[in-house]
Amino acid sequence: MIVFWMMTGLAAALAALAVLGGARRGATAAPRAETAAGLREIEELDRLKARGLMDEAAHAAARAEAARRLLAGEAAQADRPVRAGPRDRLWVLAGIGAATAAALGLYVLVGAPGLPDQGYEGRVDQWAETPDALQPPQLAAVVARVVRERPDDPQALAMLGAARFQADDPLGAASAFRRLVALRPDDGQAWARLGESLVRANDDRIGTDAEAAFREAVRHDPDQLGARFFLGEAALRRGDAAQTRAQWTPLIAALDPSDPRRQDLERRIPPAGAQ
């Protein structure tokens, strides 16, 4: 708790410094009397010309001279340093103090100042008691601890890879599936999940590592339809129509005729005569 209060005080001090600096930079000087007089002079010249009391040349010369004096006065005013009033800093500091006091009061009212800090492992212990109610990142943390305790458990590695994939951690998922295929090199599903993780980590681009994983998946299990889809997609992007048909034809046959995915594949697959 001492560290917490020290950090709170430091944050309040930094906030006060930032507000004071911003208040000083945002201060503006009141318009000078010379500026207002210059504007009135220009307006009076315009009225005299409108009433026919000044010709065009005289009006232009007089207006130019008045504008020159006005601009010179504005430049001098801009160069003059702006200073805050004697009470401005006191008002700012008082506002900061009031905001800090209100925040602390709210924390004491609705928070738990005496509650000790709960470490990460303590939170993981709590998550492990209710695995069915966890979000993917929490489940991944629980399973990761199981994997640390049983690093050669294929089921734990498969669960860790799936949880990390759902938690939008494709690199972590790929790491788990790599360890899994090292333990079970003939597991077609593990190879397919490794390929999917690599594709997600590569912004949906099917790289050479991902394509190699999909080929291993189909080699060990020809019914890995997801791997066939990605292999066909990679071949289509390369312009290899024959390989695309070889991978997507079994996939199309396995899908229901009313399945929108089948209709999309049938639309995209190259015709039999295409090269």
Protein backbone atom coordinates (compact mmCIF):
# COMPACT_ATOMS: atom_id res chain seq x y z
CA MET A 1 0.00 0.00 0.00
CA ILE A 2 2.90 2.39 0.67
CA VAL A 3 4.03 2.01 -2.93
CA PHE A 4 0.48 2.72 -4.12
CA TRP A 5 0.25 5.97 -2.16
CA MET A 6 3.70 7.03 -3.32
CA MET A 7 2.69 6.46 -6.93
CA THR A 8 -0.59 8.31 -6.35
CA GLY A 9 1.26 11.33 -4.96
CA LEU A 10 3.72 11.30 -7.84
CA ALA A 11 0.91 11.12 -10.38
CA ALA A 12 -0.87 14.04 -8.72
CA ALA A 13 2.32 16.10 -8.74
CA LEU A 14 2.95 15.39 -12.41
CA ALA A 15 -0.66 16.27 -13.23
CA ALA A 16 -0.29 19.55 -11.34
CA LEU A 17 2.88 20.39 -13.24
CA ALA A 18 1.20 19.64 -16.59
CA VAL A 19 -1.85 21.75 -15.72
CA LEU A 20 0.27 24.66 -14.55
CA GLY A 21 2.33 24.57 -17.72
CA GLY A 22 -0.78 24.40 -19.88
CA ALA A 23 -2.41 27.24 -17.99
CA ARG A 24 0.64 29.43 -18.48
CA ARG A 25 0.86 28.67 -22.21
CA GLY A 26 -2.85 29.27 -22.63
CA ALA A 27 -2.83 32.72 -21.02
CA THR A 28 -3.69 35.58 -23.38
CA ALA A 29 -3.26 39.30 -22.99
CA ALA A 30 -6.14 41.70 -23.21
CA PRO A 31 -6.40 43.69 -26.47
CA ARG A 32 -4.36 46.87 -26.32
CA ALA A 33 -6.00 50.28 -26.59
CA GLU A 34 -3.78 51.06 -29.58
CA THR A 35 -5.28 48.13 -31.49
CA ALA A 36 -8.85 49.31 -30.89
CA ALA A 37 -7.91 52.87 -31.88
CA GLY A 38 -6.29 51.65 -35.10
CA LEU A 39 -9.40 49.72 -36.07
CA ARG A 40 -11.58 52.76 -35.39
CA GLU A 41 -9.29 54.89 -37.57
CA ILE A 42 -9.65 52.51 -40.51
CA GLU A 43 -13.43 52.46 -40.11
CA GLU A 44 -13.53 56.28 -40.06
CA LEU A 45 -11.47 56.45 -43.28
CA ASP A 46 -13.93 54.07 -44.95
CA ARG A 47 -16.87 56.26 -43.86
CA LEU A 48 -15.21 59.42 -45.19
CA LYS A 49 -14.64 57.77 -48.58
CA ALA A 50 -18.23 56.48 -48.65
CA ARG A 51 -19.53 60.06 -48.03
CA GLY A 52 -17.37 61.39 -50.86
CA LEU A 53 -15.10 63.43 -48.58
CA MET A 54 -11.96 61.54 -49.72
CA ASP A 55 -10.86 60.59 -53.18
CA GLU A 56 -9.63 57.10 -54.06
CA ALA A 57 -5.90 57.88 -53.94
CA ALA A 58 -6.05 59.72 -50.61
CA HIS A 59 -8.19 56.99 -49.07
CA ALA A 60 -5.83 54.23 -50.23
CA ALA A 61 -2.76 56.04 -48.91
CA ALA A 62 -4.33 56.88 -45.54
CA ARG A 63 -5.73 53.36 -45.10
CA ALA A 64 -2.38 51.77 -45.92
CA GLU A 65 -0.63 53.95 -43.35
CA ALA A 66 -3.23 53.13 -40.69
CA ALA A 67 -2.94 49.41 -41.44
CA ARG A 68 0.87 49.61 -41.21
CA ARG A 69 0.66 51.20 -37.75
CA LEU A 70 -1.89 48.60 -36.68
CA LEU A 71 0.29 45.67 -37.81
CA ALA A 72 3.34 47.19 -36.13
CA GLY A 73 1.42 47.45 -32.88
CA GLU A 74 0.21 43.85 -33.13
CA ALA A 75 3.78 42.62 -33.74
CA ALA A 76 5.02 44.50 -30.69
CA GLN A 77 2.23 43.03 -28.63
CA ALA A 78 3.05 39.49 -29.83
CA ASP A 79 6.70 39.93 -28.80
CA ARG A 80 5.72 41.06 -25.34
CA PRO A 81 5.92 38.11 -22.84
CA VAL A 82 2.59 37.04 -21.40
CA ARG A 83 2.54 36.66 -17.65
CA ALA A 84 -0.07 35.03 -15.52
CA GLY A 85 -1.81 37.06 -12.89
CA PRO A 86 -0.66 36.91 -9.26
CA ARG A 87 -3.60 34.70 -8.25
CA ASP A 88 -3.83 32.50 -11.33
CA ARG A 89 -1.45 29.84 -10.02
CA LEU A 90 -3.22 29.78 -6.68
CA TRP A 91 -6.55 29.10 -8.39
CA VAL A 92 -5.01 26.34 -10.51
CA LEU A 93 -3.34 24.70 -7.50
CA ALA A 94 -6.56 24.96 -5.52
CA GLY A 95 -8.45 23.23 -8.33
CA ILE A 96 -5.86 20.45 -8.50
CA GLY A 97 -5.98 19.98 -4.74
CA ALA A 98 -9.76 19.81 -4.76
CA ALA A 99 -9.78 17.27 -7.59
CA THR A 100 -7.17 15.12 -5.80
CA ALA A 101 -9.09 15.26 -2.54
CA ALA A 102 -12.33 14.33 -4.29
CA ALA A 103 -10.65 11.38 -6.01
CA LEU A 104 -9.19 10.11 -2.75
CA GLY A 105 -12.52 10.52 -0.99
CA LEU A 106 -14.28 8.58 -3.72
CA TYR A 107 -11.66 5.82 -3.47
CA VAL A 108 -12.08 5.58 0.32
CA LEU A 109 -15.86 5.50 -0.11
CA VAL A 110 -16.20 2.85 -2.84
CA GLY A 111 -12.75 1.25 -2.90
CA ALA A 112 -10.87 -1.01 -0.53
CA PRO A 113 -7.82 0.87 0.78
CA GLY A 114 -6.84 -1.89 3.20
CA LEU A 115 -7.06 -4.73 0.71
CA PRO A 116 -3.63 -6.21 0.01
CA ASP A 117 -2.40 -6.40 -3.55
CA GLN A 118 -3.35 -9.62 -5.33
CA GLY A 119 -0.53 -11.08 -7.37
CA TYR A 120 -0.94 -12.55 -10.82
CA GLU A 121 -0.61 -16.11 -9.60
CA GLY A 122 -3.36 -15.47 -7.06
CA ARG A 123 -5.69 -14.36 -9.86
CA VAL A 124 -4.79 -17.47 -11.84
CA ASP A 125 -5.68 -19.58 -8.79
CA GLN A 126 -9.12 -17.97 -8.71
CA TRP A 127 -9.61 -18.44 -12.45
CA ALA A 128 -8.72 -22.11 -12.17
CA GLU A 129 -11.65 -22.64 -9.81
CA THR A 130 -14.22 -21.60 -12.45
CA PRO A 131 -12.81 -22.63 -15.87
CA ASP A 132 -16.23 -22.65 -17.56
CA ALA A 133 -16.76 -18.93 -16.91
CA LEU A 134 -13.39 -17.66 -18.15
CA GLN A 135 -12.58 -15.45 -21.10
CA PRO A 136 -10.01 -16.83 -23.59
CA PRO A 137 -7.06 -14.81 -22.16
CA GLN A 138 -7.85 -16.04 -18.65
CA LEU A 139 -8.26 -19.62 -19.82
CA ALA A 140 -4.94 -19.37 -21.67
CA ALA A 141 -3.25 -18.23 -18.44
CA VAL A 142 -4.70 -21.17 -16.51
CA VAL A 143 -3.72 -23.72 -19.15
CA ALA A 144 -0.25 -22.19 -19.52
CA ARG A 145 0.41 -22.98 -15.87
CA VAL A 146 -0.73 -26.55 -16.45
CA VAL A 147 1.68 -26.80 -19.38
CA ARG A 148 4.51 -25.52 -17.20
CA GLU A 149 3.78 -28.30 -14.76
CA ARG A 150 3.28 -30.93 -17.50
CA PRO A 151 5.28 -29.75 -20.53
CA ASP A 152 4.85 -33.06 -22.40
CA ASP A 153 1.07 -33.29 -22.05
CA PRO A 154 -0.37 -33.22 -25.62
CA GLN A 155 -3.90 -32.44 -24.44
CA ALA A 156 -2.73 -29.47 -22.37
CA LEU A 157 -0.71 -28.14 -25.31
CA ALA A 158 -3.70 -28.48 -27.63
CA MET A 159 -5.89 -26.60 -25.16
CA LEU A 160 -3.24 -23.91 -24.72
CA GLY A 161 -2.95 -23.38 -28.47
CA ALA A 162 -6.72 -23.18 -28.89
CA ALA A 163 -7.12 -20.74 -25.97
CA ARG A 164 -4.36 -18.46 -27.23
CA PHE A 165 -5.83 -18.52 -30.73
CA GLN A 166 -9.21 -17.45 -29.33
CA ALA A 167 -7.48 -14.79 -27.24
CA ASP A 168 -6.08 -13.21 -30.41
CA ASP A 169 -2.54 -14.36 -29.65
CA PRO A 170 -1.65 -16.24 -32.84
CA LEU A 171 2.10 -16.24 -32.16
CA GLY A 172 1.52 -17.81 -28.76
CA ALA A 173 -0.86 -20.31 -30.32
CA ALA A 174 1.69 -21.21 -32.99
CA SER A 175 4.31 -21.77 -30.29
CA ALA A 176 2.01 -24.18 -28.46
CA PHE A 177 1.08 -26.08 -31.64
CA ARG A 178 4.75 -26.36 -32.64
CA ARG A 179 5.46 -28.09 -29.36
CA LEU A 180 2.44 -30.30 -29.93
CA VAL A 181 3.49 -31.48 -33.40
CA ALA A 182 6.97 -32.14 -32.02
CA LEU A 183 5.34 -34.57 -29.60
CA ARG A 184 2.81 -35.90 -32.14
CA PRO A 185 4.23 -35.46 -35.64
CA ASP A 186 1.45 -37.59 -37.17
CA ASP A 187 -1.40 -35.46 -35.73
CA GLY A 188 -3.04 -33.90 -38.79
CA GLN A 189 -5.31 -31.64 -36.76
CA ALA A 190 -2.37 -30.21 -34.80
CA TRP A 191 -0.57 -29.42 -38.07
CA ALA A 192 -3.71 -27.72 -39.41
CA ARG A 193 -4.09 -25.60 -36.27
CA LEU A 194 -0.42 -24.63 -36.51
CA GLY A 195 -0.97 -23.48 -40.08
CA GLU A 196 -4.05 -21.46 -39.14
CA SER A 197 -2.13 -19.76 -36.32
CA LEU A 198 0.70 -18.84 -38.68
CA VAL A 199 -1.78 -17.41 -41.19
CA ARG A 200 -3.43 -15.28 -38.50
CA ALA A 201 -0.04 -14.08 -37.24
CA ASN A 202 0.93 -13.12 -40.81
CA ASP A 203 -2.13 -10.90 -41.35
CA ASP A 204 -4.01 -13.64 -43.26
CA ARG A 205 -1.15 -14.19 -45.71
CA ILE A 206 -0.36 -17.84 -46.37
CA GLY A 207 3.41 -17.99 -46.00
CA THR A 208 5.71 -20.89 -46.74
CA ASP A 209 5.72 -22.08 -43.11
CA ALA A 210 1.93 -22.11 -42.99
CA GLU A 211 1.63 -23.88 -46.33
CA ALA A 212 4.14 -26.54 -45.21
CA ALA A 213 2.07 -27.11 -42.06
CA PHE A 214 -1.12 -27.51 -44.12
CA ARG A 215 0.61 -30.01 -46.40
CA GLU A 216 1.65 -32.05 -43.37
CA ALA A 217 -1.93 -31.91 -42.10
CA VAL A 218 -3.36 -33.27 -45.35
CA ARG A 219 -0.59 -35.87 -45.63
CA HIS A 220 -1.39 -37.31 -42.21
CA ASP A 221 -5.16 -36.76 -42.44
CA PRO A 222 -6.72 -36.19 -45.89
CA ASP A 223 -9.98 -35.19 -44.21
CA GLN A 224 -8.50 -31.97 -42.81
CA LEU A 225 -10.80 -29.78 -44.88
CA GLY A 226 -9.59 -26.52 -43.34
CA ALA A 227 -6.06 -27.30 -44.43
CA ARG A 228 -7.33 -28.09 -47.92
CA PHE A 229 -9.03 -24.72 -48.10
CA PHE A 230 -5.83 -22.84 -47.29
CA LEU A 231 -3.77 -24.95 -49.69
CA GLY A 232 -6.26 -24.26 -52.45
CA GLU A 233 -6.30 -20.56 -51.58
CA ALA A 234 -2.51 -20.40 -51.72
CA ALA A 235 -2.48 -22.17 -55.10
CA LEU A 236 -5.18 -19.84 -56.43
CA ARG A 237 -3.16 -16.78 -55.44
CA ARG A 238 -0.17 -18.25 -57.28
CA GLY A 239 -2.27 -18.92 -60.36
CA ASP A 240 -1.98 -22.71 -60.03
CA ALA A 241 -5.46 -23.73 -61.20
CA ALA A 242 -4.76 -27.47 -61.19
CA GLN A 243 -3.61 -27.49 -57.56
CA THR A 244 -6.55 -25.34 -56.54
CA ARG A 245 -8.99 -27.83 -58.06
CA ALA A 246 -7.12 -30.75 -56.45
CA GLN A 247 -7.53 -29.22 -53.00
CA TRP A 248 -10.99 -27.68 -53.29
CA THR A 249 -12.83 -30.45 -55.16
CA PRO A 250 -12.91 -32.79 -52.10
CA LEU A 251 -13.81 -29.83 -49.92
CA ILE A 252 -16.74 -28.84 -52.13
CA ALA A 253 -17.98 -32.43 -52.17
CA ALA A 254 -17.93 -32.57 -48.36
CA LEU A 255 -20.00 -29.42 -47.90
CA ASP A 256 -23.79 -29.33 -48.02
CA PRO A 257 -25.15 -27.92 -51.34
CA SER A 258 -26.97 -25.16 -49.42
CA ASP A 259 -23.86 -24.17 -47.49
CA PRO A 260 -22.79 -20.62 -48.50
CA ARG A 261 -19.15 -21.68 -48.22
CA ARG A 262 -19.68 -24.31 -50.90
CA GLN A 263 -21.35 -21.80 -53.17
CA ASP A 264 -18.42 -19.40 -52.71
CA LEU A 265 -15.88 -22.14 -53.52
CA GLU A 266 -17.81 -23.23 -56.59
CA ARG A 267 -17.83 -19.64 -57.78
CA ARG A 268 -14.10 -19.16 -57.25
CA ILE A 269 -12.68 -22.53 -58.34
CA PRO A 270 -11.01 -22.38 -61.78
CA PRO A 271 -12.78 -24.34 -64.54
CA ALA A 272 -11.38 -27.70 -65.57
CA GLY A 273 -9.77 -26.33 -68.72
CA ALA A 274 -7.91 -23.52 -66.93
CA GLN A 275 -4.17 -23.81 -66.47
